[in-house]
PDB file of N, CA and C in Angstrom:
ATOM      1  N   MET A   1     -27.829  38.289  19.210  1.00  0.00           N
ATOM      2  CA  MET A   1     -27.373  37.958  17.884  1.00  0.00           C
ATOM      3  C   MET A   1     -26.533  36.687  17.955  1.00  0.00           C
ATOM      4  N   LYS A   2     -26.862  35.699  17.090  1.00  0.00           N
ATOM      5  CA  LYS A   2     -26.113  34.439  17.068  1.00  0.00           C
ATOM      6  C   LYS A   2     -24.974  34.543  16.060  1.00  0.00           C
ATOM      7  N   THR A   3     -23.876  33.905  16.418  1.00  0.00           N
ATOM      8  CA  THR A   3     -22.719  33.860  15.532  1.00  0.00           C
ATOM      9  C   THR A   3     -22.476  32.421  15.114  1.00  0.00           C
ATOM     10  N   ARG A   4     -22.188  32.242  13.878  1.00  0.00           N
ATOM     11  CA  ARG A   4     -21.895  30.890  13.376  1.00  0.00           C
ATOM     12  C   ARG A   4     -20.432  30.829  12.974  1.00  0.00           C
ATOM     13  N   THR A   5     -19.747  29.828  13.512  1.00  0.00           N
ATOM     14  CA  THR A   5     -18.339  29.629  13.187  1.00  0.00           C
ATOM     15  C   THR A   5     -18.194  28.322  12.428  1.00  0.00           C
ATOM     16  N   GLU A   6     -17.540  28.382  11.300  1.00  0.00           N
ATOM     17  CA  GLU A   6     -17.315  27.176  10.493  1.00  0.00           C
ATOM     18  C   GLU A   6     -15.818  26.898  10.458  1.00  0.00           C
ATOM     19  N   VAL A   7     -15.462  25.658  10.775  1.00  0.00           N
ATOM     20  CA  VAL A   7     -14.067  25.258  10.798  1.00  0.00           C
ATOM     21  C   VAL A   7     -13.853  24.194   9.728  1.00  0.00           C
ATOM     22  N   THR A   8     -12.860  24.401   8.892  1.00  0.00           N
ATOM     23  CA  THR A   8     -12.500  23.419   7.861  1.00  0.00           C
ATOM     24  C   THR A   8     -11.112  22.886   8.187  1.00  0.00           C
ATOM     25  N   VAL A   9     -11.010  21.579   8.227  1.00  0.00           N
ATOM     26  CA  VAL A   9      -9.735  20.941   8.528  1.00  0.00           C
ATOM     27  C   VAL A   9      -9.296  20.146   7.307  1.00  0.00           C
ATOM     28  N   GLU A  10      -8.106  20.403   6.822  1.00  0.00           N
ATOM     29  CA  GLU A  10      -7.539  19.641   5.714  1.00  0.00           C
ATOM     30  C   GLU A  10      -6.362  18.840   6.250  1.00  0.00           C
ATOM     31  N   ILE A  11      -6.317  17.586   5.855  1.00  0.00           N
ATOM     32  CA  ILE A  11      -5.247  16.716   6.339  1.00  0.00           C
ATOM     33  C   ILE A  11      -4.536  16.099   5.143  1.00  0.00           C
ATOM     34  N   ASP A  12      -3.241  16.252   5.104  1.00  0.00           N
ATOM     35  CA  ASP A  12      -2.396  15.557   4.130  1.00  0.00           C
ATOM     36  C   ASP A  12      -1.632  14.497   4.888  1.00  0.00           C
ATOM     37  N   ARG A  13      -1.441  13.360   4.261  1.00  0.00           N
ATOM     38  CA  ARG A  13      -0.765  12.253   4.937  1.00  0.00           C
ATOM     39  C   ARG A  13       0.361  11.755   4.061  1.00  0.00           C
ATOM     40  N   TRP A  14       1.540  11.676   4.628  1.00  0.00           N
ATOM     41  CA  TRP A  14       2.702  11.133   3.937  1.00  0.00           C
ATOM     42  C   TRP A  14       3.172   9.913   4.694  1.00  0.00           C
ATOM     43  N   VAL A  15       3.502   8.872   3.975  1.00  0.00           N
ATOM     44  CA  VAL A  15       4.073   7.683   4.590  1.00  0.00           C
ATOM     45  C   VAL A  15       5.476   7.520   4.017  1.00  0.00           C
ATOM     46  N   VAL A  16       6.458   7.568   4.887  1.00  0.00           N
ATOM     47  CA  VAL A  16       7.844   7.406   4.466  1.00  0.00           C
ATOM     48  C   VAL A  16       8.346   6.100   5.047  1.00  0.00           C
ATOM     49  N   VAL A  17       8.788   5.224   4.177  1.00  0.00           N
ATOM     50  CA  VAL A  17       9.276   3.925   4.609  1.00  0.00           C
ATOM     51  C   VAL A  17      10.743   3.828   4.209  1.00  0.00           C
ATOM     52  N   SER A  18      11.580   3.561   5.172  1.00  0.00           N
ATOM     53  CA  SER A  18      12.999   3.416   4.898  1.00  0.00           C
ATOM     54  C   SER A  18      13.403   1.974   5.203  1.00  0.00           C
ATOM     55  N   ARG A  19      13.467   1.183   4.176  1.00  0.00           N
ATOM     56  CA  ARG A  19      13.807  -0.236   4.300  1.00  0.00           C
ATOM     57  C   ARG A  19      14.746  -0.605   3.163  1.00  0.00           C
ATOM     58  N   PRO A  20      15.378  -1.764   3.272  1.00  0.00           N
ATOM     59  CA  PRO A  20      16.183  -2.212   2.126  1.00  0.00           C
ATOM     60  C   PRO A  20      15.296  -2.332   0.888  1.00  0.00           C
ATOM     61  N   LYS A  21      15.846  -1.964  -0.239  1.00  0.00           N
ATOM     62  CA  LYS A  21      15.087  -1.984  -1.495  1.00  0.00           C
ATOM     63  C   LYS A  21      14.782  -3.419  -1.913  1.00  0.00           C
ATOM     64  N   LYS A  22      13.548  -3.622  -2.373  1.00  0.00           N
ATOM     65  CA  LYS A  22      13.114  -4.936  -2.862  1.00  0.00           C
ATOM     66  C   LYS A  22      12.624  -4.750  -4.291  1.00  0.00           C
ATOM     67  N   ARG A  23      13.536  -4.496  -5.202  1.00  0.00           N
ATOM     68  CA  ARG A  23      13.181  -4.246  -6.592  1.00  0.00           C
ATOM     69  C   ARG A  23      12.852  -5.571  -7.255  1.00  0.00           C
ATOM     70  N   ARG A  24      11.607  -5.696  -7.700  1.00  0.00           N
ATOM     71  CA  ARG A  24      11.130  -6.933  -8.318  1.00  0.00           C
ATOM     72  C   ARG A  24      10.268  -6.612  -9.525  1.00  0.00           C
ATOM     73  N   TRP A  25      10.034  -7.611 -10.331  1.00  0.00           N
ATOM     74  CA  TRP A  25       9.181  -7.498 -11.501  1.00  0.00           C
ATOM     75  C   TRP A  25       7.714  -7.594 -11.089  1.00  0.00           C
ATOM     76  N   CYS A  26       6.905  -6.632 -11.484  1.00  0.00           N
ATOM     77  CA  CYS A  26       5.454  -6.696 -11.281  1.00  0.00           C
ATOM     78  C   CYS A  26       4.857  -7.120 -12.617  1.00  0.00           C
ATOM     79  N   SER A  27       4.281  -8.298 -12.657  1.00  0.00           N
ATOM     80  CA  SER A  27       3.745  -8.823 -13.917  1.00  0.00           C
ATOM     81  C   SER A  27       2.514  -8.057 -14.383  1.00  0.00           C
ATOM     82  N   VAL A  28       1.796  -7.418 -13.467  1.00  0.00           N
ATOM     83  CA  VAL A  28       0.615  -6.649 -13.849  1.00  0.00           C
ATOM     84  C   VAL A  28       1.035  -5.313 -14.462  1.00  0.00           C
ATOM     85  N   CYS A  29       1.974  -4.630 -13.822  1.00  0.00           N
ATOM     86  CA  CYS A  29       2.466  -3.348 -14.337  1.00  0.00           C
ATOM     87  C   CYS A  29       3.434  -3.543 -15.515  1.00  0.00           C
ATOM     88  N   ALA A  30       4.016  -4.740 -15.596  1.00  0.00           N
ATOM     89  CA  ALA A  30       5.055  -5.048 -16.593  1.00  0.00           C
ATOM     90  C   ALA A  30       6.252  -4.105 -16.428  1.00  0.00           C
ATOM     91  N   LEU A  31       6.640  -3.891 -15.155  1.00  0.00           N
ATOM     92  CA  LEU A  31       7.766  -3.026 -14.804  1.00  0.00           C
ATOM     93  C   LEU A  31       8.503  -3.587 -13.604  1.00  0.00           C
ATOM     94  N   TYR A  32       9.775  -3.209 -13.486  1.00  0.00           N
ATOM     95  CA  TYR A  32      10.484  -3.450 -12.231  1.00  0.00           C
ATOM     96  C   TYR A  32      10.113  -2.315 -11.286  1.00  0.00           C
ATOM     97  N   VAL A  33       9.670  -2.653 -10.090  1.00  0.00           N
ATOM     98  CA  VAL A  33       9.256  -1.645  -9.103  1.00  0.00           C
ATOM     99  C   VAL A  33       9.842  -1.990  -7.742  1.00  0.00           C
ATOM    100  N   GLU A  34       9.876  -1.010  -6.863  1.00  0.00           N
ATOM    101  CA  GLU A  34      10.301  -1.223  -5.483  1.00  0.00           C
ATOM    102  C   GLU A  34       9.102  -1.793  -4.723  1.00  0.00           C
ATOM    103  N   MET A  35       9.078  -3.098  -4.539  1.00  0.00           N
ATOM    104  CA  MET A  35       7.954  -3.760  -3.867  1.00  0.00           C
ATOM    105  C   MET A  35       7.969  -3.442  -2.373  1.00  0.00           C
ATOM    106  N   MET A  36       6.812  -3.598  -1.738  1.00  0.00           N
ATOM    107  CA  MET A  36       6.660  -3.314  -0.312  1.00  0.00           C
ATOM    108  C   MET A  36       6.285  -4.590   0.429  1.00  0.00           C
ATOM    109  N   SER A  37       6.589  -4.605   1.709  1.00  0.00           N
ATOM    110  CA  SER A  37       6.166  -5.716   2.559  1.00  0.00           C
ATOM    111  C   SER A  37       4.661  -5.597   2.814  1.00  0.00           C
ATOM    112  N   ILE A  38       4.069  -6.654   3.323  1.00  0.00           N
ATOM    113  CA  ILE A  38       2.649  -6.629   3.671  1.00  0.00           C
ATOM    114  C   ILE A  38       2.381  -5.553   4.728  1.00  0.00           C
ATOM    115  N   ASP A  39       3.248  -5.445   5.721  1.00  0.00           N
ATOM    116  CA  ASP A  39       3.061  -4.455   6.786  1.00  0.00           C
ATOM    117  C   ASP A  39       3.130  -3.026   6.258  1.00  0.00           C
ATOM    118  N   ASP A  40       4.079  -2.760   5.359  1.00  0.00           N
ATOM    119  CA  ASP A  40       4.191  -1.419   4.780  1.00  0.00           C
ATOM    120  C   ASP A  40       2.960  -1.095   3.926  1.00  0.00           C
ATOM    121  N   ALA A  41       2.489  -2.066   3.172  1.00  0.00           N
ATOM    122  CA  ALA A  41       1.293  -1.874   2.347  1.00  0.00           C
ATOM    123  C   ALA A  41       0.071  -1.618   3.235  1.00  0.00           C
ATOM    124  N   ALA A  42      -0.009  -2.316   4.360  1.00  0.00           N
ATOM    125  CA  ALA A  42      -1.126  -2.130   5.289  1.00  0.00           C
ATOM    126  C   ALA A  42      -1.127  -0.714   5.866  1.00  0.00           C
ATOM    127  N   ARG A  43       0.054  -0.206   6.212  1.00  0.00           N
ATOM    128  CA  ARG A  43       0.136   1.164   6.728  1.00  0.00           C
ATOM    129  C   ARG A  43      -0.296   2.165   5.656  1.00  0.00           C
ATOM    130  N   LEU A  44       0.138   1.946   4.433  1.00  0.00           N
ATOM    131  CA  LEU A  44      -0.212   2.858   3.344  1.00  0.00           C
ATOM    132  C   LEU A  44      -1.718   2.852   3.073  1.00  0.00           C
ATOM    133  N   ALA A  45      -2.335   1.674   3.074  1.00  0.00           N
ATOM    134  CA  ALA A  45      -3.762   1.546   2.775  1.00  0.00           C
ATOM    135  C   ALA A  45      -4.643   1.775   4.007  1.00  0.00           C
ATOM    136  N   GLN A  46      -4.024   1.913   5.168  1.00  0.00           N
ATOM    137  CA  GLN A  46      -4.731   2.107   6.441  1.00  0.00           C
ATOM    138  C   GLN A  46      -5.688   0.947   6.735  1.00  0.00           C
ATOM    139  N   VAL A  47      -5.190  -0.262   6.527  1.00  0.00           N
ATOM    140  CA  VAL A  47      -5.919  -1.487   6.863  1.00  0.00           C
ATOM    141  C   VAL A  47      -4.956  -2.397   7.611  1.00  0.00           C
ATOM    142  N   ASN A  48      -5.440  -3.558   8.074  1.00  0.00           N
ATOM    143  CA  ASN A  48      -4.522  -4.467   8.768  1.00  0.00           C
ATOM    144  C   ASN A  48      -3.826  -5.398   7.758  1.00  0.00           C
ATOM    145  N   SER A  49      -2.804  -6.063   8.224  1.00  0.00           N
ATOM    146  CA  SER A  49      -1.991  -6.937   7.365  1.00  0.00           C
ATOM    147  C   SER A  49      -2.801  -8.094   6.789  1.00  0.00           C
ATOM    148  N   ARG A  50      -3.738  -8.595   7.558  1.00  0.00           N
ATOM    149  CA  ARG A  50      -4.580  -9.702   7.078  1.00  0.00           C
ATOM    150  C   ARG A  50      -5.391  -9.272   5.852  1.00  0.00           C
ATOM    151  N   THR A  51      -5.883  -8.041   5.854  1.00  0.00           N
ATOM    152  CA  THR A  51      -6.634  -7.525   4.710  1.00  0.00           C
ATOM    153  C   THR A  51      -5.745  -7.473   3.468  1.00  0.00           C
ATOM    154  N   ILE A  52      -4.510  -7.010   3.630  1.00  0.00           N
ATOM    155  CA  ILE A  52      -3.568  -6.964   2.503  1.00  0.00           C
ATOM    156  C   ILE A  52      -3.339  -8.376   1.968  1.00  0.00           C
ATOM    157  N   PHE A  53      -3.152  -9.335   2.863  1.00  0.00           N
ATOM    158  CA  PHE A  53      -2.934 -10.720   2.447  1.00  0.00           C
ATOM    159  C   PHE A  53      -4.133 -11.238   1.653  1.00  0.00           C
ATOM    160  N   HIS A  54      -5.343 -10.969   2.140  1.00  0.00           N
ATOM    161  CA  HIS A  54      -6.548 -11.419   1.439  1.00  0.00           C
ATOM    162  C   HIS A  54      -6.692 -10.738   0.076  1.00  0.00           C
ATOM    163  N   TRP A  55      -6.396  -9.431   0.027  1.00  0.00           N
ATOM    164  CA  TRP A  55      -6.453  -8.721  -1.252  1.00  0.00           C
ATOM    165  C   TRP A  55      -5.460  -9.314  -2.246  1.00  0.00           C
ATOM    166  N   ALA A  56      -4.270  -9.643  -1.768  1.00  0.00           N
ATOM    167  CA  ALA A  56      -3.253 -10.228  -2.649  1.00  0.00           C
ATOM    168  C   ALA A  56      -3.692 -11.610  -3.135  1.00  0.00           C
ATOM    169  N   GLU A  57      -4.241 -12.415  -2.225  1.00  0.00           N
ATOM    170  CA  GLU A  57      -4.730 -13.748  -2.596  1.00  0.00           C
ATOM    171  C   GLU A  57      -5.836 -13.678  -3.645  1.00  0.00           C
ATOM    172  N   SER A  58      -6.706 -12.680  -3.539  1.00  0.00           N
ATOM    173  CA  SER A  58      -7.840 -12.564  -4.457  1.00  0.00           C
ATOM    174  C   SER A  58      -7.459 -11.890  -5.772  1.00  0.00           C
ATOM    175  N   GLY A  59      -6.232 -11.351  -5.851  1.00  0.00           N
ATOM    176  CA  GLY A  59      -5.797 -10.680  -7.069  1.00  0.00           C
ATOM    177  C   GLY A  59      -6.129  -9.205  -7.107  1.00  0.00           C
ATOM    178  N   ALA A  60      -6.651  -8.678  -5.989  1.00  0.00           N
ATOM    179  CA  ALA A  60      -6.995  -7.254  -5.933  1.00  0.00           C
ATOM    180  C   ALA A  60      -5.754  -6.366  -5.833  1.00  0.00           C
ATOM    181  N   LEU A  61      -4.615  -6.947  -5.447  1.00  0.00           N
ATOM    182  CA  LEU A  61      -3.335  -6.232  -5.388  1.00  0.00           C
ATOM    183  C   LEU A  61      -2.345  -6.916  -6.307  1.00  0.00           C
ATOM    184  N   HIS A  62      -1.417  -6.146  -6.830  1.00  0.00           N
ATOM    185  CA  HIS A  62      -0.309  -6.723  -7.581  1.00  0.00           C
ATOM    186  C   HIS A  62       0.673  -7.273  -6.546  1.00  0.00           C
ATOM    187  N   SER A  63       1.036  -8.528  -6.654  1.00  0.00           N
ATOM    188  CA  SER A  63       1.944  -9.104  -5.668  1.00  0.00           C
ATOM    189  C   SER A  63       2.833 -10.159  -6.303  1.00  0.00           C
ATOM    190  N   SER A  64       3.920 -10.458  -5.605  1.00  0.00           N
ATOM    191  CA  SER A  64       4.796 -11.555  -6.008  1.00  0.00           C
ATOM    192  C   SER A  64       5.415 -12.151  -4.756  1.00  0.00           C
ATOM    193  N   GLU A  65       5.876 -13.363  -4.880  1.00  0.00           N
ATOM    194  CA  GLU A  65       6.464 -14.061  -3.743  1.00  0.00           C
ATOM    195  C   GLU A  65       7.932 -14.322  -4.030  1.00  0.00           C
ATOM    196  N   THR A  66       8.784 -14.086  -3.033  1.00  0.00           N
ATOM    197  CA  THR A  66      10.213 -14.342  -3.185  1.00  0.00           C
ATOM    198  C   THR A  66      10.483 -15.837  -3.055  1.00  0.00           C
ATOM    199  N   THR A  67      11.688 -16.244  -3.378  1.00  0.00           N
ATOM    200  CA  THR A  67      12.065 -17.655  -3.234  1.00  0.00           C
ATOM    201  C   THR A  67      12.038 -18.088  -1.768  1.00  0.00           C
ATOM    202  N   GLU A  68      12.156 -17.116  -0.852  1.00  0.00           N
ATOM    203  CA  GLU A  68      12.097 -17.407   0.583  1.00  0.00           C
ATOM    204  C   GLU A  68      10.657 -17.458   1.093  1.00  0.00           C
ATOM    205  N   GLY A  69       9.695 -17.178   0.229  1.00  0.00           N
ATOM    206  CA  GLY A  69       8.292 -17.222   0.628  1.00  0.00           C
ATOM    207  C   GLY A  69       7.732 -15.904   1.126  1.00  0.00           C
ATOM    208  N   LEU A  70       8.484 -14.807   0.997  1.00  0.00           N
ATOM    209  CA  LEU A  70       8.025 -13.496   1.430  1.00  0.00           C
ATOM    210  C   LEU A  70       7.095 -12.907   0.367  1.00  0.00           C
ATOM    211  N   LEU A  71       5.904 -12.496   0.767  1.00  0.00           N
ATOM    212  CA  LEU A  71       4.950 -11.890  -0.151  1.00  0.00           C
ATOM    213  C   LEU A  71       5.248 -10.404  -0.245  1.00  0.00           C
ATOM    214  N   LEU A  72       5.438  -9.913  -1.466  1.00  0.00           N
ATOM    215  CA  LEU A  72       5.724  -8.504  -1.709  1.00  0.00           C
ATOM    216  C   LEU A  72       4.573  -7.884  -2.492  1.00  0.00           C
ATOM    217  N   ILE A  73       4.299  -6.626  -2.212  1.00  0.00           N
ATOM    218  CA  ILE A  73       3.169  -5.915  -2.804  1.00  0.00           C
ATOM    219  C   ILE A  73       3.688  -4.769  -3.667  1.00  0.00           C
ATOM    220  N   CYS A  74       3.115  -4.640  -4.851  1.00  0.00           N
ATOM    221  CA  CYS A  74       3.471  -3.546  -5.753  1.00  0.00           C
ATOM    222  C   CYS A  74       2.822  -2.253  -5.243  1.00  0.00           C
ATOM    223  N   PRO A  75       3.599  -1.175  -5.130  1.00  0.00           N
ATOM    224  CA  PRO A  75       3.023   0.074  -4.634  1.00  0.00           C
ATOM    225  C   PRO A  75       2.047   0.728  -5.613  1.00  0.00           C
ATOM    226  N   HIS A  76       1.996   0.248  -6.844  1.00  0.00           N
ATOM    227  CA  HIS A  76       1.080   0.807  -7.843  1.00  0.00           C
ATOM    228  C   HIS A  76      -0.278   0.106  -7.833  1.00  0.00           C
ATOM    229  N   SER A  77      -0.484  -0.824  -6.928  1.00  0.00           N
ATOM    230  CA  SER A  77      -1.761  -1.533  -6.819  1.00  0.00           C
ATOM    231  C   SER A  77      -2.869  -0.543  -6.514  1.00  0.00           C
ATOM    232  N   PRO A  78      -3.970  -0.611  -7.253  1.00  0.00           N
ATOM    233  CA  PRO A  78      -5.042   0.378  -7.076  1.00  0.00           C
ATOM    234  C   PRO A  78      -5.668   0.403  -5.679  1.00  0.00           C
ATOM    235  N   ASN A  79      -5.837  -0.715  -5.031  1.00  0.00           N
ATOM    236  CA  ASN A  79      -6.489  -0.740  -3.712  1.00  0.00           C
ATOM    237  C   ASN A  79      -5.689  -0.034  -2.617  1.00  0.00           C
ATOM    238  N   LEU A  80      -4.405   0.149  -2.847  1.00  0.00           N
ATOM    239  CA  LEU A  80      -3.586   0.822  -1.820  1.00  0.00           C
ATOM    240  C   LEU A  80      -3.885   2.308  -1.747  1.00  0.00           C
ATOM    241  N   HIS A  81      -4.442   2.870  -2.807  1.00  0.00           N
ATOM    242  CA  HIS A  81      -4.620   4.318  -2.877  1.00  0.00           C
ATOM    243  C   HIS A  81      -6.067   4.748  -2.980  1.00  0.00           C
ATOM    244  N   SER A  82      -6.984   3.843  -2.659  1.00  0.00           N
ATOM    245  CA  SER A  82      -8.400   4.215  -2.800  1.00  0.00           C
ATOM    246  C   SER A  82      -8.939   4.918  -1.581  1.00  0.00           C
TER     247      SER A  82
END
C-alpha cells in the first residue's frame, strides 16, 4: 500500500527597518510619508539597489531627492509590494 504525504509551507515575511526618520513629501501620494533609502527599498522589494534606482528613474516608484542628492523612495510605491 502506497502512502502519499502532502506538505504545505506558508511563509510570512516582515521587514523591520530602524533608521533615522526621513519624513518627506511624496508628490504622487500627495502626503508626507516616511521615505526609505534605496537599500531599504531593495530589501523590501527583494531586488538589488540598481533595480530600485532604475525603477525610480523610469517613474515606476514614487521618489524624491534631498538637497544633498540622496534619492528617497516612498514606501507606498506599488512596485515595492508586488
